[in-house]
Amino acid sequence: MGRIIAVTNQKGGVGKTTTAVNLAACLSACDRRALLIDLDPQANATTGSGVDKAALENSTCEVLLGDACAMDAIVPIEAGGYALMPAGPDLTVAEVRLLQEIGREMKLRTALESVSDMYDYLLIDCPPTINMLTLNALTAAQGVLIPIQCEYYALEGLSSLLETVRQIRNSVNPKIEIEGLLRTMFDPRNRLATEVSAQLLKHFGDKVYDTVIPRNVRLAEAPSYGVSVLIHDPRSRGSKAYMSLAKEVISRESPGVQAGAA
C-alpha cells in the first residue's frame, strides 16, 4: 500500500501546491510511482500539471460524491512521470454536498482504497483552509507534510494546524503523523527568516526537513508552462532542492534505501 501524504497549511502562499507538484515529479524521477491528488477548488495543481480543468470528464469532485471511482478520474502526466487526480471549480459543490452526508470525512479514504496499491506515494494537495476537503485529506493520510514560510505569522498558524491533526488522530485516524515541516521561499539574507528557521528546528527537531526550498524564479515560472520545475529547468536551484526533498522523503520512510538517479 502506498504512503498517503497530505500537503497542507491553512495559510496561503507558502508554496503548498508548488511542493505537491514538484515533489510528485521528483519522486517519479527517483523511480517511485507517484499519484498527485488535487483537492483544492482553485485546481492549481491541475493546471500546473498541464491539464485543462475545464475539459475534465471526471475529477476529485465526482470521486468524492461517489459518481466515479478513483481510477476513472486519474490521468497520466507523461512529462512529469506521475499520475494526477485532477480538480475543477465544481469541487466547491462537492464540499457543500458532503456536509449533508453520513461519514463525510471518510469519502476520500474509501475512494483511495482501490488505487493505493498502485502507487508508492499518494500526495494530496489541500486547500489553504481547514474545511471538509482538508478533513477528508487528513482522514485518508498517514503523513502530513507542512510547507512553511519562515515569516512572522508562520508559527501561529502552525499551532492551529497541529491541533487539528491531533484531533483527527484522536477521532478518526489514529495512524496520522507529522511527516515533516518544509521551509519554503527561504532567503538566507533575511534575518527574520533565519530566526524563524532556528525556532522551527528548536521546537520540532528532526521533524524539520534538512532540505530548504529557496526563492527561485524558475520555480515561479514553471506552473505557467504546465510543467514541474524539473522539466522547466532541471539545473535550477529550485529543481535541485525538490530533488533533494524527494530523496529525503524516501530515506525517512526506508532508511538506508538509495533513491534512483534523476
Protein backbone atom coordinates (compact mmCIF):
# COMPACT_ATOMS: atom_id res chain seq x y z
CA MET A 1 0.00 0.00 0.00
CA GLY A 2 1.32 3.42 -0.96
CA ARG A 3 2.00 6.08 1.63
CA ILE A 4 -0.63 8.81 1.58
CA ILE A 5 0.73 12.27 2.43
CA ALA A 6 -1.42 15.38 2.82
CA VAL A 7 0.44 18.53 1.77
CA THR A 8 -1.29 21.23 3.78
CA ASN A 9 -1.10 24.55 5.54
CA GLN A 10 -4.15 26.71 6.15
CA LYS A 11 -2.05 29.78 5.42
CA GLY A 12 -2.00 30.51 1.68
CA GLY A 13 1.02 31.48 -0.34
CA VAL A 14 3.51 29.19 1.37
CA GLY A 15 4.38 27.01 -1.63
CA LYS A 16 1.93 24.20 -0.91
CA THR A 17 0.92 23.44 -4.49
CA THR A 18 4.44 24.11 -5.75
CA THR A 19 5.64 21.48 -3.28
CA ALA A 20 2.95 18.95 -4.19
CA VAL A 21 3.57 19.17 -7.94
CA ASN A 22 7.35 19.21 -7.80
CA LEU A 23 7.62 16.52 -5.15
CA ALA A 24 5.41 14.25 -7.28
CA ALA A 25 7.66 14.83 -10.30
CA CYS A 26 10.86 14.32 -8.31
CA LEU A 27 9.61 11.15 -6.64
CA SER A 28 8.85 9.84 -10.12
CA ALA A 29 12.38 10.79 -11.21
CA CYS A 30 13.60 8.71 -8.25
CA ASP A 31 11.81 5.65 -9.67
CA ARG A 32 8.84 5.89 -7.34
CA ARG A 33 5.24 5.64 -8.53
CA ALA A 34 3.51 8.86 -7.53
CA LEU A 35 -0.12 9.96 -7.64
CA LEU A 36 -0.95 13.63 -7.10
CA ILE A 37 -4.49 14.30 -5.88
CA ASP A 38 -5.75 17.85 -6.39
CA LEU A 39 -8.18 18.60 -3.57
CA ASP A 40 -8.12 22.38 -3.93
CA PRO A 41 -11.05 24.05 -5.77
CA GLN A 42 -8.55 26.51 -7.27
CA ALA A 43 -7.16 23.47 -9.14
CA ASN A 44 -3.66 24.96 -9.35
CA ALA A 45 -2.02 21.54 -9.15
CA THR A 46 -4.14 20.51 -12.13
CA THR A 47 -3.24 23.46 -14.34
CA GLY A 48 0.34 23.33 -13.07
CA SER A 49 0.49 19.77 -14.40
CA GLY A 50 -0.64 20.91 -17.85
CA VAL A 51 -4.25 19.66 -17.59
CA ASP A 52 -7.19 21.77 -18.77
CA LYS A 53 -9.56 21.82 -15.79
CA ALA A 54 -12.44 22.98 -18.00
CA ALA A 55 -12.25 19.85 -20.14
CA LEU A 56 -12.39 17.24 -17.39
CA GLU A 57 -14.84 14.37 -17.64
CA ASN A 58 -14.18 13.16 -14.11
CA SER A 59 -12.38 14.86 -11.24
CA THR A 60 -11.99 14.67 -7.49
CA CYS A 61 -15.50 16.14 -7.25
CA GLU A 62 -17.10 13.07 -8.86
CA VAL A 63 -14.85 10.76 -6.83
CA LEU A 64 -15.81 12.34 -3.50
CA LEU A 65 -19.50 12.25 -4.35
CA GLY A 66 -19.36 8.62 -5.48
CA ASP A 67 -20.24 9.42 -9.10
CA ALA A 68 -16.93 8.00 -10.35
CA CYS A 69 -14.30 5.66 -8.97
CA ALA A 70 -10.76 6.89 -8.39
CA MET A 71 -9.39 5.04 -11.42
CA ASP A 72 -11.87 6.80 -13.72
CA ALA A 73 -10.55 10.22 -12.69
CA ILE A 74 -6.79 9.56 -12.80
CA VAL A 75 -4.86 10.86 -15.81
CA PRO A 76 -1.18 10.30 -16.65
CA ILE A 77 1.15 13.30 -16.67
CA GLU A 78 3.65 11.96 -19.15
CA ALA A 79 6.04 14.92 -18.98
CA GLY A 80 6.20 14.71 -15.20
CA GLY A 81 6.16 10.93 -14.91
CA TYR A 82 3.42 10.93 -12.29
CA ALA A 83 -0.34 10.40 -12.28
CA LEU A 84 -2.91 13.05 -11.39
CA MET A 85 -6.42 13.01 -9.99
CA PRO A 86 -7.41 16.47 -11.23
CA ALA A 87 -9.75 19.06 -9.74
CA GLY A 88 -12.07 21.65 -11.17
CA PRO A 89 -14.09 24.57 -9.80
CA ASP A 90 -17.02 22.24 -9.13
CA LEU A 91 -15.07 20.85 -6.17
CA THR A 92 -16.73 23.53 -4.04
CA VAL A 93 -20.05 21.84 -4.86
CA ALA A 94 -18.70 18.57 -3.51
CA GLU A 95 -17.71 20.24 -0.26
CA VAL A 96 -21.21 21.64 0.28
CA ARG A 97 -22.91 18.34 -0.56
CA LEU A 98 -20.55 16.37 1.69
CA LEU A 99 -21.70 18.39 4.70
CA GLN A 100 -25.07 16.66 4.41
CA GLU A 101 -23.74 13.10 4.15
CA ILE A 102 -23.04 10.47 6.78
CA GLY A 103 -19.35 9.55 7.03
CA ARG A 104 -18.50 12.67 5.03
CA GLU A 105 -14.91 12.85 6.27
CA MET A 106 -14.24 9.27 5.10
CA LYS A 107 -15.09 9.69 1.40
CA LEU A 108 -11.55 10.19 0.11
CA ARG A 109 -10.08 7.42 2.26
CA THR A 110 -12.66 4.97 0.92
CA ALA A 111 -12.13 6.07 -2.68
CA LEU A 112 -8.34 5.67 -2.49
CA GLU A 113 -8.50 2.11 -1.20
CA SER A 114 -8.93 0.81 -4.75
CA VAL A 115 -5.79 2.52 -6.10
CA SER A 116 -3.39 2.87 -3.16
CA ASP A 117 -1.54 -0.35 -4.05
CA MET A 118 -0.74 1.05 -7.50
CA TYR A 119 1.50 3.82 -6.13
CA ASP A 120 4.39 4.24 -3.74
CA TYR A 121 3.27 7.76 -2.78
CA LEU A 122 -0.10 9.47 -2.96
CA LEU A 123 0.26 13.22 -2.40
CA ILE A 124 -2.85 15.27 -1.61
CA ASP A 125 -2.72 18.98 -2.41
CA CYS A 126 -5.12 20.51 0.13
CA PRO A 127 -6.95 23.85 0.04
CA PRO A 128 -5.45 26.66 2.15
CA THR A 129 -8.04 26.29 4.88
CA ILE A 130 -9.32 23.69 7.34
CA ASN A 131 -12.59 22.65 5.70
CA MET A 132 -14.36 19.42 4.80
CA LEU A 133 -11.97 18.79 1.90
CA THR A 134 -8.93 19.15 4.14
CA LEU A 135 -10.54 16.93 6.78
CA ASN A 136 -11.03 14.27 4.09
CA ALA A 137 -7.35 14.51 3.23
CA LEU A 138 -6.25 14.24 6.87
CA THR A 139 -8.57 11.30 7.45
CA ALA A 140 -7.09 9.47 4.47
CA ALA A 141 -3.42 10.32 5.08
CA GLN A 142 -0.74 8.59 7.11
CA GLY A 143 1.52 11.63 6.98
CA VAL A 144 1.21 15.41 6.89
CA LEU A 145 3.81 17.46 5.05
CA ILE A 146 3.63 21.12 6.07
CA PRO A 147 5.26 23.72 3.81
CA ILE A 148 6.02 26.73 5.94
CA GLN A 149 7.41 30.11 5.00
CA CYS A 150 9.82 31.45 7.59
CA GLU A 151 7.99 34.64 8.48
CA TYR A 152 6.34 36.33 11.48
CA TYR A 153 2.94 34.57 11.47
CA ALA A 154 4.25 31.14 10.50
CA LEU A 155 4.38 29.59 13.97
CA GLU A 156 0.96 30.94 14.94
CA GLY A 157 -0.76 29.23 12.02
CA LEU A 158 1.27 26.08 12.55
CA SER A 159 -0.03 25.56 16.09
CA SER A 160 -3.61 25.60 14.84
CA LEU A 161 -2.87 23.01 12.18
CA LEU A 162 -1.06 20.75 14.65
CA GLU A 163 -4.10 20.90 16.94
CA THR A 164 -6.32 19.85 14.04
CA VAL A 165 -4.03 16.91 13.29
CA ARG A 166 -4.15 15.92 16.97
CA GLN A 167 -7.96 15.94 16.92
CA ILE A 168 -8.04 13.85 13.75
CA ARG A 169 -5.64 11.34 15.35
CA ASN A 170 -7.83 11.07 18.43
CA SER A 171 -11.05 10.64 16.49
CA VAL A 172 -10.99 9.08 13.01
CA ASN A 173 -7.38 8.43 12.02
CA PRO A 174 -5.03 7.14 14.74
CA LYS A 175 -2.29 6.44 12.14
CA ILE A 176 -1.74 10.03 11.08
CA GLU A 177 1.56 11.69 11.98
CA ILE A 178 3.56 14.75 11.01
CA GLU A 179 5.63 13.71 8.02
CA GLY A 180 7.78 16.80 8.15
CA LEU A 181 7.99 20.58 8.10
CA LEU A 182 9.41 22.07 4.92
CA ARG A 183 10.93 25.54 4.92
CA THR A 184 9.93 27.24 1.66
CA MET A 185 10.73 30.51 -0.17
CA PHE A 186 13.77 30.78 2.04
CA ASP A 187 16.14 33.72 1.72
CA PRO A 188 19.20 33.34 3.97
CA ARG A 189 19.85 37.08 3.70
CA ASN A 190 16.60 37.76 5.56
CA ARG A 191 17.30 37.91 9.30
CA LEU A 192 13.70 37.12 10.28
CA ALA A 193 13.67 34.05 8.03
CA THR A 194 16.83 32.80 9.71
CA GLU A 195 15.37 33.38 13.18
CA VAL A 196 12.09 31.60 12.39
CA SER A 197 14.04 28.72 10.86
CA ALA A 198 16.03 28.40 14.08
CA GLN A 199 12.81 28.37 16.11
CA LEU A 200 11.37 25.58 13.96
CA LEU A 201 14.49 23.49 14.46
CA LYS A 202 14.44 24.16 18.20
CA HIS A 203 10.78 23.18 18.67
CA PHE A 204 10.43 20.37 16.11
CA GLY A 205 13.94 18.95 15.76
CA ASP A 206 14.22 16.18 13.19
CA LYS A 207 10.63 16.74 12.04
CA VAL A 208 12.04 19.67 10.06
CA TYR A 209 13.41 18.54 6.71
CA ASP A 210 17.09 19.19 6.11
CA THR A 211 16.11 20.36 2.64
CA VAL A 212 15.29 24.06 2.35
CA ILE A 213 13.41 25.38 -0.69
CA PRO A 214 14.89 28.70 -1.83
CA ARG A 215 13.16 31.60 -3.50
CA ASN A 216 13.70 30.81 -7.17
CA VAL A 217 12.43 32.42 -10.36
CA ARG A 218 12.34 29.10 -12.22
CA LEU A 219 10.06 27.62 -9.57
CA ALA A 220 7.66 30.53 -10.01
CA GLU A 221 7.73 30.27 -13.81
CA ALA A 222 7.14 26.52 -14.16
CA PRO A 223 3.33 26.46 -13.47
CA SER A 224 2.68 28.91 -16.32
CA TYR A 225 4.16 26.29 -18.66
CA GLY A 226 2.13 23.47 -17.11
CA VAL A 227 5.21 21.50 -16.05
CA SER A 228 7.29 20.86 -12.96
CA VAL A 229 10.50 22.78 -12.40
CA LEU A 230 12.33 19.52 -13.10
CA ILE A 231 11.15 19.83 -16.70
CA HIS A 232 11.26 23.61 -16.93
CA ASP A 233 14.83 23.96 -15.69
CA PRO A 234 16.43 20.84 -14.22
CA ARG A 235 19.61 22.74 -13.33
CA SER A 236 17.88 25.45 -11.31
CA ARG A 237 18.26 25.76 -7.55
CA GLY A 238 14.54 25.04 -7.17
CA SER A 239 14.79 21.81 -9.14
CA LYS A 240 17.80 20.63 -7.16
CA ALA A 241 16.06 21.47 -3.88
CA TYR A 242 12.93 19.45 -4.68
CA MET A 243 15.01 16.53 -5.88
CA SER A 244 16.82 16.68 -2.53
CA LEU A 245 13.44 16.71 -0.76
CA ALA A 246 12.23 13.67 -2.70
CA LYS A 247 15.31 11.71 -1.70
CA GLU A 248 14.87 12.81 1.91
CA VAL A 249 11.21 11.73 1.91
CA ILE A 250 12.22 8.32 0.57
CA SER A 251 15.10 7.89 3.02
CA ARG A 252 12.89 8.78 6.01
CA GLU A 253 10.47 6.02 5.19
CA SER A 254 13.12 3.49 4.17
CA PRO A 255 16.40 4.31 5.94
CA GLY A 256 19.39 3.04 4.04
CA VAL A 257 17.50 2.68 0.77
CA GLN A 258 19.03 4.72 -2.04
CA ALA A 259 16.74 6.68 -4.34
CA GLY A 260 17.20 6.16 -8.06
CA ALA A 261 19.15 8.66 -10.08
CA ALA A 262 17.30 11.55 -11.62
